[in-house]
């Protein structure tokens, strides 16, 4: 019999079922990012611990459980990357090799997760706002060209971009993504 765990004063989260459904995928994601099995296991464990502790903040109307868990994992991996960049000598202590941290910047996995999070957040905003943001910000097209294509004045397009970015920011906050 699988026992359902409930943190005091919060909503319900069936941790064993959530782990069975998403644990292996979260582990592979963390392993690809970190390249260390032990660290990846620690990240997955922390994801489910944080999910259990904040189960009351999970709203299935805003995001799927998978999306919510991956947002938690993304935040943990970003924290881990920052910690590693601040203390590169710690890795040398455990594996005996010298690492060249290389140029600063997000790792490929982090950029992929960021793109995935933005894509998910874009799905949550209005069609007109999404089109304005995608065409002007993501595709880098001139406002005048996009406005003409959409058949709206340039000022209207700029307004859609402005309010679309605000809605996008709110959607990302609702997903649990930290700035």
C-alpha atoms as a PDB file:
ATOM      1  CA  UNK A   1       0.000   0.000   0.000  1.00  0.00           C
ATOM      2  CA  UNK A   2       1.418   3.394  -1.009  1.00  0.00           C
ATOM      3  CA  UNK A   3       1.045   6.024   1.696  1.00  0.00           C
ATOM      4  CA  UNK A   4       0.179   9.550   0.608  1.00  0.00           C
ATOM      5  CA  UNK A   5       2.327  12.169   2.252  1.00  0.00           C
ATOM      6  CA  UNK A   6       0.923  15.521   3.315  1.00  0.00           C
ATOM      7  CA  UNK A   7       2.973  18.315   4.807  1.00  0.00           C
ATOM      8  CA  UNK A   8       1.222  20.012   7.687  1.00  0.00           C
ATOM      9  CA  UNK A   9      -1.129  22.801   6.632  1.00  0.00           C
ATOM     10  CA  UNK A  10      -0.745  22.352   2.875  1.00  0.00           C
ATOM     11  CA  UNK A  11      -2.455  20.645  -0.009  1.00  0.00           C
ATOM     12  CA  UNK A  12      -2.094  17.056  -1.045  1.00  0.00           C
ATOM     13  CA  UNK A  13       0.766  15.604  -3.067  1.00  0.00           C
ATOM     14  CA  UNK A  14       1.105  11.896  -3.693  1.00  0.00           C
ATOM     15  CA  UNK A  15       4.904  11.856  -3.628  1.00  0.00           C
ATOM     16  CA  UNK A  16       5.387   8.164  -4.507  1.00  0.00           C
ATOM     17  CA  UNK A  17       3.114   8.483  -7.542  1.00  0.00           C
ATOM     18  CA  UNK A  18       4.752  11.765  -8.587  1.00  0.00           C
ATOM     19  CA  UNK A  19       8.182  10.183  -8.228  1.00  0.00           C
ATOM     20  CA  UNK A  20       7.151   7.111 -10.217  1.00  0.00           C
ATOM     21  CA  UNK A  21       5.790   9.305 -13.002  1.00  0.00           C
ATOM     22  CA  UNK A  22       8.527  11.958 -13.174  1.00  0.00           C
ATOM     23  CA  UNK A  23      11.524  10.880 -11.088  1.00  0.00           C
ATOM     24  CA  UNK A  24      13.475   9.079 -13.828  1.00  0.00           C
ATOM     25  CA  UNK A  25      13.006  11.945 -16.289  1.00  0.00           C
ATOM     26  CA  UNK A  26      14.065  14.500 -13.671  1.00  0.00           C
ATOM     27  CA  UNK A  27      17.110  12.366 -12.855  1.00  0.00           C
ATOM     28  CA  UNK A  28      18.173  12.182 -16.523  1.00  0.00           C
ATOM     29  CA  UNK A  29      17.672  15.924 -16.848  1.00  0.00           C
ATOM     30  CA  UNK A  30      19.807  16.629 -13.761  1.00  0.00           C
ATOM     31  CA  UNK A  31      22.448  14.097 -14.841  1.00  0.00           C
ATOM     32  CA  UNK A  32      22.776  15.701 -18.284  1.00  0.00           C
ATOM     33  CA  UNK A  33      23.205  19.079 -16.660  1.00  0.00           C
ATOM     34  CA  UNK A  34      25.551  18.084 -13.838  1.00  0.00           C
ATOM     35  CA  UNK A  35      27.387  15.075 -15.246  1.00  0.00           C
ATOM     36  CA  UNK A  36      27.501  13.530 -11.758  1.00  0.00           C
ATOM     37  CA  UNK A  37      25.202  10.687 -10.703  1.00  0.00           C
ATOM     38  CA  UNK A  38      25.334  11.504  -7.003  1.00  0.00           C
ATOM     39  CA  UNK A  39      24.640  15.190  -7.554  1.00  0.00           C
ATOM     40  CA  UNK A  40      21.772  14.333  -9.923  1.00  0.00           C
ATOM     41  CA  UNK A  41      20.248  12.047  -7.278  1.00  0.00           C
ATOM     42  CA  UNK A  42      20.584  14.835  -4.710  1.00  0.00           C
ATOM     43  CA  UNK A  43      18.807  17.277  -7.027  1.00  0.00           C
ATOM     44  CA  UNK A  44      15.912  14.867  -7.620  1.00  0.00           C
ATOM     45  CA  UNK A  45      15.599  14.240  -3.902  1.00  0.00           C
ATOM     46  CA  UNK A  46      15.548  17.983  -3.230  1.00  0.00           C
ATOM     47  CA  UNK A  47      12.944  18.530  -5.984  1.00  0.00           C
ATOM     48  CA  UNK A  48      10.528  16.138  -4.312  1.00  0.00           C
ATOM     49  CA  UNK A  49      11.294  17.463  -0.842  1.00  0.00           C
ATOM     50  CA  UNK A  50      10.541  21.016  -1.972  1.00  0.00           C
ATOM     51  CA  UNK A  51       7.451  19.862  -3.861  1.00  0.00           C
ATOM     52  CA  UNK A  52       6.178  18.069  -0.768  1.00  0.00           C
ATOM     53  CA  UNK A  53       6.852  21.077   1.446  1.00  0.00           C
ATOM     54  CA  UNK A  54       5.115  23.493  -0.910  1.00  0.00           C
ATOM     55  CA  UNK A  55       2.347  21.191  -2.155  1.00  0.00           C
ATOM     56  CA  UNK A  56      -0.218  23.825  -1.213  1.00  0.00           C
ATOM     57  CA  UNK A  57       1.209  26.222  -3.793  1.00  0.00           C
ATOM     58  CA  UNK A  58       0.754  23.740  -6.648  1.00  0.00           C
ATOM     59  CA  UNK A  59      -2.249  24.646  -8.773  1.00  0.00           C
ATOM     60  CA  UNK A  60      -3.032  22.143 -11.548  1.00  0.00           C
ATOM     61  CA  UNK A  61      -5.019  24.898 -13.259  1.00  0.00           C
ATOM     62  CA  UNK A  62      -1.805  26.872 -13.817  1.00  0.00           C
ATOM     63  CA  UNK A  63       0.641  24.126 -14.714  1.00  0.00           C
ATOM     64  CA  UNK A  64       0.910  20.390 -14.940  1.00  0.00           C
ATOM     65  CA  UNK A  65       2.695  18.545 -12.161  1.00  0.00           C
ATOM     66  CA  UNK A  66       5.522  17.814 -14.603  1.00  0.00           C
ATOM     67  CA  UNK A  67       5.918  21.511 -15.450  1.00  0.00           C
ATOM     68  CA  UNK A  68       5.921  22.442 -11.778  1.00  0.00           C
ATOM     69  CA  UNK A  69       8.506  19.785 -10.873  1.00  0.00           C
ATOM     70  CA  UNK A  70      10.771  20.781 -13.765  1.00  0.00           C
ATOM     71  CA  UNK A  71      10.544  24.435 -12.708  1.00  0.00           C
ATOM     72  CA  UNK A  72      11.732  23.399  -9.240  1.00  0.00           C
ATOM     73  CA  UNK A  73      14.519  21.307 -10.800  1.00  0.00           C
ATOM     74  CA  UNK A  74      15.555  24.161 -13.069  1.00  0.00           C
ATOM     75  CA  UNK A  75      15.862  26.505 -10.085  1.00  0.00           C
ATOM     76  CA  UNK A  76      17.937  23.928  -8.205  1.00  0.00           C
ATOM     77  CA  UNK A  77      20.229  23.378 -11.194  1.00  0.00           C
ATOM     78  CA  UNK A  78      20.718  27.110 -11.650  1.00  0.00           C
ATOM     79  CA  UNK A  79      21.614  27.362  -7.960  1.00  0.00           C
ATOM     80  CA  UNK A  80      24.023  24.442  -8.329  1.00  0.00           C
ATOM     81  CA  UNK A  81      25.645  26.026 -11.399  1.00  0.00           C
ATOM     82  CA  UNK A  82      26.098  29.306  -9.551  1.00  0.00           C
ATOM     83  CA  UNK A  83      27.522  27.501  -6.547  1.00  0.00           C
ATOM     84  CA  UNK A  84      29.939  25.618  -8.807  1.00  0.00           C
ATOM     85  CA  UNK A  85      30.993  28.780 -10.609  1.00  0.00           C
ATOM     86  CA  UNK A  86      31.651  30.521  -7.310  1.00  0.00           C
ATOM     87  CA  UNK A  87      33.688  27.596  -5.958  1.00  0.00           C
ATOM     88  CA  UNK A  88      35.295  25.713  -8.872  1.00  0.00           C
ATOM     89  CA  UNK A  89      37.946  24.301  -6.551  1.00  0.00           C
ATOM     90  CA  UNK A  90      35.329  22.127  -4.796  1.00  0.00           C
ATOM     91  CA  UNK A  91      34.918  19.890  -7.828  1.00  0.00           C
ATOM     92  CA  UNK A  92      38.677  19.328  -7.927  1.00  0.00           C
ATOM     93  CA  UNK A  93      38.502  17.974  -4.392  1.00  0.00           C
ATOM     94  CA  UNK A  94      36.083  15.202  -5.347  1.00  0.00           C
ATOM     95  CA  UNK A  95      37.296  14.064  -8.753  1.00  0.00           C
ATOM     96  CA  UNK A  96      41.008  14.887  -8.629  1.00  0.00           C
ATOM     97  CA  UNK A  97      41.064  16.782 -11.912  1.00  0.00           C
ATOM     98  CA  UNK A  98      41.492  20.416 -12.744  1.00  0.00           C
ATOM     99  CA  UNK A  99      38.593  21.999 -14.543  1.00  0.00           C
ATOM    100  CA  UNK A 100      38.755  25.028 -16.751  1.00  0.00           C
ATOM    101  CA  UNK A 101      35.444  26.714 -16.079  1.00  0.00           C
ATOM    102  CA  UNK A 102      35.549  28.293 -19.527  1.00  0.00           C
ATOM    103  CA  UNK A 103      33.741  31.457 -20.414  1.00  0.00           C
ATOM    104  CA  UNK A 104      30.892  32.430 -18.143  1.00  0.00           C
ATOM    105  CA  UNK A 105      27.416  31.796 -19.465  1.00  0.00           C
ATOM    106  CA  UNK A 106      24.556  29.368 -19.170  1.00  0.00           C
ATOM    107  CA  UNK A 107      25.161  25.730 -19.991  1.00  0.00           C
ATOM    108  CA  UNK A 108      23.322  24.150 -22.913  1.00  0.00           C
ATOM    109  CA  UNK A 109      20.880  22.312 -20.645  1.00  0.00           C
ATOM    110  CA  UNK A 110      20.095  25.510 -18.756  1.00  0.00           C
ATOM    111  CA  UNK A 111      19.400  27.327 -22.026  1.00  0.00           C
ATOM    112  CA  UNK A 112      17.151  24.475 -23.170  1.00  0.00           C
ATOM    113  CA  UNK A 113      15.185  24.567 -19.929  1.00  0.00           C
ATOM    114  CA  UNK A 114      14.919  28.349 -20.155  1.00  0.00           C
ATOM    115  CA  UNK A 115      13.552  28.014 -23.686  1.00  0.00           C
ATOM    116  CA  UNK A 116      11.115  25.336 -22.556  1.00  0.00           C
ATOM    117  CA  UNK A 117       9.906  27.508 -19.644  1.00  0.00           C
ATOM    118  CA  UNK A 118       9.438  30.533 -21.921  1.00  0.00           C
ATOM    119  CA  UNK A 119       7.556  28.386 -24.437  1.00  0.00           C
ATOM    120  CA  UNK A 120       5.258  27.082 -21.696  1.00  0.00           C
ATOM    121  CA  UNK A 121       4.684  30.618 -20.386  1.00  0.00           C
ATOM    122  CA  UNK A 122       3.941  31.877 -23.920  1.00  0.00           C
ATOM    123  CA  UNK A 123       1.177  29.282 -24.207  1.00  0.00           C
ATOM    124  CA  UNK A 124      -0.493  30.858 -21.180  1.00  0.00           C
ATOM    125  CA  UNK A 125      -0.867  34.380 -22.566  1.00  0.00           C
ATOM    126  CA  UNK A 126      -3.270  35.733 -25.172  1.00  0.00           C
ATOM    127  CA  UNK A 127      -2.816  34.961 -28.844  1.00  0.00           C
ATOM    128  CA  UNK A 128      -2.317  38.609 -29.863  1.00  0.00           C
ATOM    129  CA  UNK A 129       0.263  39.222 -27.142  1.00  0.00           C
ATOM    130  CA  UNK A 130       2.050  35.966 -27.958  1.00  0.00           C
ATOM    131  CA  UNK A 131       2.257  36.821 -31.679  1.00  0.00           C
ATOM    132  CA  UNK A 132       3.610  40.294 -30.924  1.00  0.00           C
ATOM    133  CA  UNK A 133       6.310  38.981 -28.588  1.00  0.00           C
ATOM    134  CA  UNK A 134       7.325  36.065 -30.796  1.00  0.00           C
ATOM    135  CA  UNK A 135       7.635  38.185 -33.919  1.00  0.00           C
ATOM    136  CA  UNK A 136       9.395  41.204 -32.397  1.00  0.00           C
ATOM    137  CA  UNK A 137      11.486  39.755 -29.569  1.00  0.00           C
ATOM    138  CA  UNK A 138      12.143  36.143 -30.516  1.00  0.00           C
ATOM    139  CA  UNK A 139      12.363  36.548 -34.276  1.00  0.00           C
ATOM    140  CA  UNK A 140      13.790  40.072 -34.105  1.00  0.00           C
ATOM    141  CA  UNK A 141      11.527  41.513 -36.777  1.00  0.00           C
ATOM    142  CA  UNK A 142      10.963  45.289 -37.007  1.00  0.00           C
ATOM    143  CA  UNK A 143       7.804  46.613 -35.367  1.00  0.00           C
ATOM    144  CA  UNK A 144       6.627  48.326 -38.552  1.00  0.00           C
ATOM    145  CA  UNK A 145       6.913  45.106 -40.566  1.00  0.00           C
ATOM    146  CA  UNK A 146       5.052  43.024 -37.979  1.00  0.00           C
ATOM    147  CA  UNK A 147       2.356  45.682 -37.530  1.00  0.00           C
ATOM    148  CA  UNK A 148       1.771  45.805 -41.286  1.00  0.00           C
ATOM    149  CA  UNK A 149       1.570  42.018 -41.464  1.00  0.00           C
ATOM    150  CA  UNK A 150      -0.933  41.900 -38.591  1.00  0.00           C
ATOM    151  CA  UNK A 151      -2.898  44.845 -39.984  1.00  0.00           C
ATOM    152  CA  UNK A 152      -2.592  47.012 -36.864  1.00  0.00           C
ATOM    153  CA  UNK A 153      -0.945  50.377 -36.189  1.00  0.00           C
ATOM    154  CA  UNK A 154       2.634  50.294 -34.861  1.00  0.00           C
ATOM    155  CA  UNK A 155       1.440  51.837 -31.578  1.00  0.00           C
ATOM    156  CA  UNK A 156      -1.014  48.976 -31.099  1.00  0.00           C
ATOM    157  CA  UNK A 157       1.737  46.443 -31.710  1.00  0.00           C
ATOM    158  CA  UNK A 158       4.008  48.182 -29.193  1.00  0.00           C
ATOM    159  CA  UNK A 159       1.176  48.113 -26.663  1.00  0.00           C
ATOM    160  CA  UNK A 160       0.648  44.387 -27.276  1.00  0.00           C
ATOM    161  CA  UNK A 161       4.353  43.759 -26.749  1.00  0.00           C
ATOM    162  CA  UNK A 162       4.381  45.794 -23.535  1.00  0.00           C
ATOM    163  CA  UNK A 163       1.327  44.137 -22.000  1.00  0.00           C
ATOM    164  CA  UNK A 164       2.331  40.760 -23.396  1.00  0.00           C
ATOM    165  CA  UNK A 165       5.675  40.948 -21.607  1.00  0.00           C
ATOM    166  CA  UNK A 166       3.881  41.824 -18.375  1.00  0.00           C
ATOM    167  CA  UNK A 167       1.551  38.841 -18.846  1.00  0.00           C
ATOM    168  CA  UNK A 168       4.523  36.616 -19.686  1.00  0.00           C
ATOM    169  CA  UNK A 169       6.317  37.697 -16.510  1.00  0.00           C
ATOM    170  CA  UNK A 170       3.203  36.934 -14.460  1.00  0.00           C
ATOM    171  CA  UNK A 171       2.773  33.534 -16.119  1.00  0.00           C
ATOM    172  CA  UNK A 172       6.379  32.649 -15.297  1.00  0.00           C
ATOM    173  CA  UNK A 173       5.910  33.730 -11.678  1.00  0.00           C
ATOM    174  CA  UNK A 174       2.821  31.530 -11.471  1.00  0.00           C
ATOM    175  CA  UNK A 175       4.913  28.643 -12.787  1.00  0.00           C
ATOM    176  CA  UNK A 176       7.323  29.143  -9.922  1.00  0.00           C
ATOM    177  CA  UNK A 177      10.165  30.508 -12.028  1.00  0.00           C
ATOM    178  CA  UNK A 178      12.402  32.900 -10.169  1.00  0.00           C
ATOM    179  CA  UNK A 179      13.944  35.871 -12.031  1.00  0.00           C
END
